[in-house]
Amino acid sequence: MGKHRRPGPPNQPSRATPRVDPADPLASYEKRRRPPVDQYRRHRPIHGGASHLRPDEPRVLEEWDGFIYAPVGTAPDLATAQIWVNDLAPGDEPAG
């Protein structure tokens, strides 16, 4: 196994670096608009810090709007925020 080998099936392209069409003049712009690794929803602690620390504190819920993560609400604790993030089925896009 090579030093810089990426894990995963050899017959599938890497999800870390999406393919870019060199003939498309807007390819670099479209690449920047993609959400990081298909993560359309995320949560952040209101007062900062790591998300796993202080699980009883409220969280800001953010959703990818095609350009940035925009706040869409709050959750009272970590468990509720994780349910909201995982409620979006893989392959679905958020409403909006």
Protein backbone atom coordinates (compact mmCIF):
# COMPACT_ATOMS: atom_id res chain seq x y z
CA MET A 1 0.00 0.00 0.00
CA GLY A 2 1.38 3.39 -1.01
CA LYS A 3 2.17 6.16 1.40
CA HIS A 4 -0.46 8.51 -0.03
CA ARG A 5 -3.13 5.97 -0.94
CA ARG A 6 -6.70 7.12 -0.32
CA PRO A 7 -9.14 4.68 1.28
CA GLY A 8 -12.16 3.53 -0.63
CA PRO A 9 -13.11 1.42 -3.62
CA PRO A 10 -10.64 1.69 -6.51
CA ASN A 11 -13.44 1.76 -9.12
CA GLN A 12 -15.03 4.97 -7.80
CA PRO A 13 -13.70 8.53 -8.08
CA SER A 14 -12.68 10.32 -4.91
CA ARG A 15 -15.36 12.50 -3.30
CA ALA A 16 -12.69 14.77 -1.84
CA THR A 17 -11.92 16.54 -5.13
CA PRO A 18 -14.84 16.78 -7.58
CA ARG A 19 -14.10 16.66 -11.28
CA VAL A 20 -13.99 20.01 -13.09
CA ASP A 21 -14.67 20.43 -16.81
CA PRO A 22 -11.72 22.43 -18.23
CA ALA A 23 -13.86 23.64 -21.16
CA ASP A 24 -16.42 25.28 -18.86
CA PRO A 25 -15.50 28.95 -18.21
CA LEU A 26 -17.49 28.97 -14.95
CA ALA A 27 -16.06 25.70 -13.62
CA SER A 28 -13.97 27.28 -10.85
CA TYR A 29 -16.95 29.39 -9.73
CA GLU A 30 -19.25 26.34 -9.61
CA LYS A 31 -16.62 24.39 -7.67
CA ARG A 32 -16.59 27.05 -4.93
CA ARG A 33 -20.39 26.93 -4.64
CA ARG A 34 -20.53 23.23 -3.79
CA PRO A 35 -21.16 22.37 -0.16
CA PRO A 36 -18.25 20.68 1.58
CA VAL A 37 -18.61 16.90 1.01
CA ASP A 38 -22.39 17.02 0.49
CA GLN A 39 -23.09 18.44 3.95
CA TYR A 40 -26.21 20.58 3.47
CA ARG A 41 -27.00 21.01 7.16
CA ARG A 42 -24.83 21.57 10.20
CA HIS A 43 -25.07 22.77 13.79
CA ARG A 44 -22.75 24.95 15.87
CA PRO A 45 -22.70 25.74 19.59
CA ILE A 46 -24.04 29.24 20.21
CA HIS A 47 -21.13 30.19 22.46
CA GLY A 48 -18.44 28.50 20.33
CA GLY A 49 -16.19 25.61 21.19
CA ALA A 50 -16.29 21.97 20.18
CA SER A 51 -19.69 20.56 19.28
CA HIS A 52 -19.37 17.53 21.56
CA LEU A 53 -18.59 19.55 24.68
CA ARG A 54 -21.42 20.82 26.89
CA PRO A 55 -24.19 18.83 25.13
CA ASP A 56 -26.92 20.64 27.10
CA GLU A 57 -26.19 24.06 25.57
CA PRO A 58 -28.26 25.44 22.66
CA ARG A 59 -27.08 25.11 19.04
CA VAL A 60 -27.43 27.28 15.93
CA LEU A 61 -28.83 25.30 12.99
CA GLU A 62 -27.34 26.23 9.60
CA GLU A 63 -28.33 25.15 6.10
CA TRP A 64 -26.41 25.48 2.82
CA ASP A 65 -28.19 27.98 0.54
CA GLY A 66 -25.99 27.46 -2.50
CA PHE A 67 -23.38 30.01 -1.49
CA ILE A 68 -22.95 30.05 2.30
CA TYR A 69 -24.30 28.35 5.41
CA ALA A 70 -27.25 30.47 6.54
CA PRO A 71 -28.77 30.21 10.04
CA VAL A 72 -32.28 28.76 9.95
CA GLY A 73 -33.04 28.23 13.63
CA THR A 74 -31.86 26.96 16.98
CA ALA A 75 -31.98 23.69 18.89
CA PRO A 76 -32.11 23.42 22.68
CA ASP A 77 -29.39 20.76 22.90
CA LEU A 78 -26.93 18.58 20.96
CA ALA A 79 -29.28 15.59 20.58
CA THR A 80 -32.02 17.68 18.98
CA ALA A 81 -29.51 19.35 16.64
CA GLN A 82 -28.14 15.98 15.52
CA ILE A 83 -31.65 14.73 14.76
CA TRP A 84 -32.28 17.83 12.63
CA VAL A 85 -29.00 17.41 10.71
CA ASN A 86 -29.64 13.71 10.03
CA ASP A 87 -33.29 14.28 9.07
CA LEU A 88 -32.21 15.20 5.52
CA ALA A 89 -31.95 11.97 3.54
CA PRO A 90 -28.75 11.41 1.52
CA GLY A 91 -29.16 12.72 -2.01
CA ASP A 92 -31.96 15.13 -1.04
CA GLU A 93 -31.42 18.85 -1.22
CA PRO A 94 -32.79 21.21 1.40
CA ALA A 95 -35.96 23.12 0.66
CA GLY A 96 -35.32 26.67 -0.35
